[in-house]
Amino acid sequence: MNLLKKLRKQNDVDQVEMAKRISVSYSHYVKLENNFVNPCSYVNKWHIFF
């Protein structure tokens, strides 16, 4: 399981909410979670949530 998905599930947050929290669209978030795009530019936003 990818780290982003693991963190999301540990915090009991759905994909829509997680996308809002890191300020991306739902469709882009799904691509991040499934490793279709590189998450490097979003990592700095994750510390706010986690």
PDB file of N, CA and C in Angstrom:
ATOM      1  N   MET A   1       0.851  -1.181   0.000  1.00  0.00           N
ATOM      2  CA  MET A   1       0.000   0.000   0.000  1.00  0.00           C
ATOM      3  C   MET A   1       0.895   1.242   0.000  1.00  0.00           C
ATOM      4  N   ASN A   2       0.549   2.190  -0.793  1.00  0.00           N
ATOM      5  CA  ASN A   2       1.366   3.398  -0.877  1.00  0.00           C
ATOM      6  C   ASN A   2       1.205   4.238   0.396  1.00  0.00           C
ATOM      7  N   LEU A   3       2.216   5.010   0.705  1.00  0.00           N
ATOM      8  CA  LEU A   3       2.262   5.761   1.959  1.00  0.00           C
ATOM      9  C   LEU A   3       1.094   6.733   2.093  1.00  0.00           C
ATOM     10  N   LEU A   4       0.763   7.426   1.031  1.00  0.00           N
ATOM     11  CA  LEU A   4      -0.339   8.389   1.090  1.00  0.00           C
ATOM     12  C   LEU A   4      -1.653   7.699   1.436  1.00  0.00           C
ATOM     13  N   LYS A   5      -1.909   6.583   0.816  1.00  0.00           N
ATOM     14  CA  LYS A   5      -3.134   5.831   1.097  1.00  0.00           C
ATOM     15  C   LYS A   5      -3.132   5.310   2.533  1.00  0.00           C
ATOM     16  N   LYS A   6      -1.987   4.837   2.982  1.00  0.00           N
ATOM     17  CA  LYS A   6      -1.872   4.321   4.344  1.00  0.00           C
ATOM     18  C   LYS A   6      -2.168   5.422   5.366  1.00  0.00           C
ATOM     19  N   LEU A   7      -1.585   6.599   5.164  1.00  0.00           N
ATOM     20  CA  LEU A   7      -1.822   7.718   6.073  1.00  0.00           C
ATOM     21  C   LEU A   7      -3.289   8.145   6.051  1.00  0.00           C
ATOM     22  N   ARG A   8      -3.873   8.157   4.859  1.00  0.00           N
ATOM     23  CA  ARG A   8      -5.283   8.542   4.738  1.00  0.00           C
ATOM     24  C   ARG A   8      -6.174   7.573   5.506  1.00  0.00           C
ATOM     25  N   LYS A   9      -5.916   6.291   5.347  1.00  0.00           N
ATOM     26  CA  LYS A   9      -6.741   5.288   6.023  1.00  0.00           C
ATOM     27  C   LYS A   9      -6.527   5.308   7.535  1.00  0.00           C
ATOM     28  N   GLN A  10      -5.303   5.534   7.983  1.00  0.00           N
ATOM     29  CA  GLN A  10      -5.029   5.606   9.423  1.00  0.00           C
ATOM     30  C   GLN A  10      -5.803   6.746  10.074  1.00  0.00           C
ATOM     31  N   ASN A  11      -6.026   7.811   9.312  1.00  0.00           N
ATOM     32  CA  ASN A  11      -6.731   8.977   9.841  1.00  0.00           C
ATOM     33  C   ASN A  11      -8.208   8.976   9.482  1.00  0.00           C
ATOM     34  N   ASP A  12      -8.687   7.865   8.919  1.00  0.00           N
ATOM     35  CA  ASP A  12     -10.101   7.686   8.591  1.00  0.00           C
ATOM     36  C   ASP A  12     -10.669   8.841   7.769  1.00  0.00           C
ATOM     37  N   VAL A  13      -9.969   9.145   6.675  1.00  0.00           N
ATOM     38  CA  VAL A  13     -10.368  10.225   5.780  1.00  0.00           C
ATOM     39  C   VAL A  13     -10.597   9.626   4.397  1.00  0.00           C
ATOM     40  N   ASP A  14     -11.651  10.063   3.709  1.00  0.00           N
ATOM     41  CA  ASP A  14     -11.869   9.557   2.355  1.00  0.00           C
ATOM     42  C   ASP A  14     -11.042  10.363   1.347  1.00  0.00           C
ATOM     43  N   GLN A  15     -11.019   9.897   0.114  1.00  0.00           N
ATOM     44  CA  GLN A  15     -10.197  10.530  -0.907  1.00  0.00           C
ATOM     45  C   GLN A  15     -10.646  11.956  -1.212  1.00  0.00           C
ATOM     46  N   VAL A  16     -11.929  12.205  -1.179  1.00  0.00           N
ATOM     47  CA  VAL A  16     -12.444  13.545  -1.455  1.00  0.00           C
ATOM     48  C   VAL A  16     -11.950  14.527  -0.400  1.00  0.00           C
ATOM     49  N   GLU A  17     -12.058  14.149   0.861  1.00  0.00           N
ATOM     50  CA  GLU A  17     -11.604  15.015   1.952  1.00  0.00           C
ATOM     51  C   GLU A  17     -10.094  15.223   1.892  1.00  0.00           C
ATOM     52  N   MET A  18      -9.359  14.161   1.627  1.00  0.00           N
ATOM     53  CA  MET A  18      -7.903  14.282   1.549  1.00  0.00           C
ATOM     54  C   MET A  18      -7.494  15.217   0.417  1.00  0.00           C
ATOM     55  N   ALA A  19      -8.162  15.119  -0.716  1.00  0.00           N
ATOM     56  CA  ALA A  19      -7.878  16.014  -1.842  1.00  0.00           C
ATOM     57  C   ALA A  19      -8.099  17.467  -1.443  1.00  0.00           C
ATOM     58  N   LYS A  20      -9.174  17.728  -0.719  1.00  0.00           N
ATOM     59  CA  LYS A  20      -9.446  19.092  -0.245  1.00  0.00           C
ATOM     60  C   LYS A  20      -8.354  19.571   0.694  1.00  0.00           C
ATOM     61  N   ARG A  21      -7.911  18.695   1.581  1.00  0.00           N
ATOM     62  CA  ARG A  21      -6.916  19.089   2.585  1.00  0.00           C
ATOM     63  C   ARG A  21      -5.554  19.399   1.991  1.00  0.00           C
ATOM     64  N   ILE A  22      -5.219  18.767   0.863  1.00  0.00           N
ATOM     65  CA  ILE A  22      -3.930  19.093   0.248  1.00  0.00           C
ATOM     66  C   ILE A  22      -4.112  19.964  -0.993  1.00  0.00           C
ATOM     67  N   SER A  23      -5.329  20.491  -1.164  1.00  0.00           N
ATOM     68  CA  SER A  23      -5.651  21.477  -2.210  1.00  0.00           C
ATOM     69  C   SER A  23      -5.408  20.986  -3.628  1.00  0.00           C
ATOM     70  N   VAL A  24      -5.910  19.794  -3.920  1.00  0.00           N
ATOM     71  CA  VAL A  24      -5.880  19.280  -5.287  1.00  0.00           C
ATOM     72  C   VAL A  24      -7.268  18.749  -5.621  1.00  0.00           C
ATOM     73  N   SER A  25      -7.527  18.549  -6.908  1.00  0.00           N
ATOM     74  CA  SER A  25      -8.816  17.978  -7.296  1.00  0.00           C
ATOM     75  C   SER A  25      -8.855  16.511  -6.891  1.00  0.00           C
ATOM     76  N   TYR A  26     -10.066  15.995  -6.785  1.00  0.00           N
ATOM     77  CA  TYR A  26     -10.242  14.587  -6.444  1.00  0.00           C
ATOM     78  C   TYR A  26      -9.540  13.695  -7.475  1.00  0.00           C
ATOM     79  N   SER A  27      -9.728  13.989  -8.755  1.00  0.00           N
ATOM     80  CA  SER A  27      -9.123  13.148  -9.793  1.00  0.00           C
ATOM     81  C   SER A  27      -7.601  13.172  -9.723  1.00  0.00           C
ATOM     82  N   HIS A  28      -7.037  14.332  -9.417  1.00  0.00           N
ATOM     83  CA  HIS A  28      -5.586  14.411  -9.294  1.00  0.00           C
ATOM     84  C   HIS A  28      -5.111  13.657  -8.046  1.00  0.00           C
ATOM     85  N   TYR A  29      -5.867  13.739  -6.982  1.00  0.00           N
ATOM     86  CA  TYR A  29      -5.513  13.005  -5.776  1.00  0.00           C
ATOM     87  C   TYR A  29      -5.462  11.499  -6.037  1.00  0.00           C
ATOM     88  N   VAL A  30      -6.447  10.986  -6.760  1.00  0.00           N
ATOM     89  CA  VAL A  30      -6.474   9.558  -7.087  1.00  0.00           C
ATOM     90  C   VAL A  30      -5.211   9.184  -7.862  1.00  0.00           C
ATOM     91  N   LYS A  31      -4.792  10.048  -8.770  1.00  0.00           N
ATOM     92  CA  LYS A  31      -3.557   9.794  -9.529  1.00  0.00           C
ATOM     93  C   LYS A  31      -2.345   9.796  -8.599  1.00  0.00           C
ATOM     94  N   LEU A  32      -2.321  10.697  -7.632  1.00  0.00           N
ATOM     95  CA  LEU A  32      -1.225  10.727  -6.654  1.00  0.00           C
ATOM     96  C   LEU A  32      -1.196   9.438  -5.837  1.00  0.00           C
ATOM     97  N   GLU A  33      -2.343   9.041  -5.361  1.00  0.00           N
ATOM     98  CA  GLU A  33      -2.427   7.870  -4.503  1.00  0.00           C
ATOM     99  C   GLU A  33      -2.071   6.583  -5.257  1.00  0.00           C
ATOM    100  N   ASN A  34      -2.340   6.566  -6.533  1.00  0.00           N
ATOM    101  CA  ASN A  34      -2.051   5.379  -7.336  1.00  0.00           C
ATOM    102  C   ASN A  34      -0.733   5.481  -8.108  1.00  0.00           C
ATOM    103  N   ASN A  35       0.086   6.468  -7.741  1.00  0.00           N
ATOM    104  CA  ASN A  35       1.420   6.647  -8.312  1.00  0.00           C
ATOM    105  C   ASN A  35       1.438   6.908  -9.820  1.00  0.00           C
ATOM    106  N   PHE A  36       0.408   7.569 -10.329  1.00  0.00           N
ATOM    107  CA  PHE A  36       0.406   7.946 -11.741  1.00  0.00           C
ATOM    108  C   PHE A  36       1.074   9.302 -11.947  1.00  0.00           C
ATOM    109  N   VAL A  37       1.202  10.092 -10.891  1.00  0.00           N
ATOM    110  CA  VAL A  37       1.928  11.361 -10.928  1.00  0.00           C
ATOM    111  C   VAL A  37       2.867  11.419  -9.737  1.00  0.00           C
ATOM    112  N   ASN A  38       3.904  12.218  -9.863  1.00  0.00           N
ATOM    113  CA  ASN A  38       4.904  12.354  -8.820  1.00  0.00           C
ATOM    114  C   ASN A  38       4.390  13.284  -7.711  1.00  0.00           C
ATOM    115  N   PRO A  39       4.385  12.829  -6.481  1.00  0.00           N
ATOM    116  CA  PRO A  39       3.847  13.636  -5.381  1.00  0.00           C
ATOM    117  C   PRO A  39       4.805  14.677  -4.809  1.00  0.00           C
ATOM    118  N   CYS A  40       5.977  14.814  -5.342  1.00  0.00           N
ATOM    119  CA  CYS A  40       6.992  15.698  -4.746  1.00  0.00           C
ATOM    120  C   CYS A  40       6.485  17.107  -4.459  1.00  0.00           C
ATOM    121  N   SER A  41       5.735  17.683  -5.361  1.00  0.00           N
ATOM    122  CA  SER A  41       5.297  19.063  -5.154  1.00  0.00           C
ATOM    123  C   SER A  41       4.205  19.189  -4.096  1.00  0.00           C
ATOM    124  N   TYR A  42       3.656  18.074  -3.630  1.00  0.00           N
ATOM    125  CA  TYR A  42       2.584  18.111  -2.635  1.00  0.00           C
ATOM    126  C   TYR A  42       3.040  17.706  -1.241  1.00  0.00           C
ATOM    127  N   VAL A  43       4.214  17.157  -1.132  1.00  0.00           N
ATOM    128  CA  VAL A  43       4.689  16.656   0.152  1.00  0.00           C
ATOM    129  C   VAL A  43       4.701  17.749   1.210  1.00  0.00           C
ATOM    130  N   ASN A  44       5.062  18.961   0.849  1.00  0.00           N
ATOM    131  CA  ASN A  44       5.101  20.042   1.831  1.00  0.00           C
ATOM    132  C   ASN A  44       3.723  20.368   2.405  1.00  0.00           C
ATOM    133  N   LYS A  45       2.644  20.015   1.717  1.00  0.00           N
ATOM    134  CA  LYS A  45       1.299  20.260   2.229  1.00  0.00           C
ATOM    135  C   LYS A  45       0.842  19.157   3.171  1.00  0.00           C
ATOM    136  N   TRP A  46       1.428  17.970   3.062  1.00  0.00           N
ATOM    137  CA  TRP A  46       0.997  16.839   3.868  1.00  0.00           C
ATOM    138  C   TRP A  46       1.286  17.047   5.336  1.00  0.00           C
ATOM    139  N   HIS A  47       2.371  17.730   5.664  1.00  0.00           N
ATOM    140  CA  HIS A  47       2.715  17.894   7.079  1.00  0.00           C
ATOM    141  C   HIS A  47       1.633  18.676   7.833  1.00  0.00           C
ATOM    142  N   ILE A  48       0.863  19.486   7.113  1.00  0.00           N
ATOM    143  CA  ILE A  48      -0.223  20.245   7.746  1.00  0.00           C
ATOM    144  C   ILE A  48      -1.281  19.275   8.277  1.00  0.00           C
ATOM    145  N   PHE A  49      -1.557  18.241   7.504  1.00  0.00           N
ATOM    146  CA  PHE A  49      -2.592  17.286   7.869  1.00  0.00           C
ATOM    147  C   PHE A  49      -2.079  16.226   8.827  1.00  0.00           C
ATOM    148  N   PHE A  50      -0.850  15.780   8.618  1.00  0.00           N
ATOM    149  CA  PHE A  50      -0.303  14.693   9.425  1.00  0.00           C
ATOM    150  C   PHE A  50       0.695  15.220  10.407  1.00  0.00           C
TER     151      PHE A  50
END
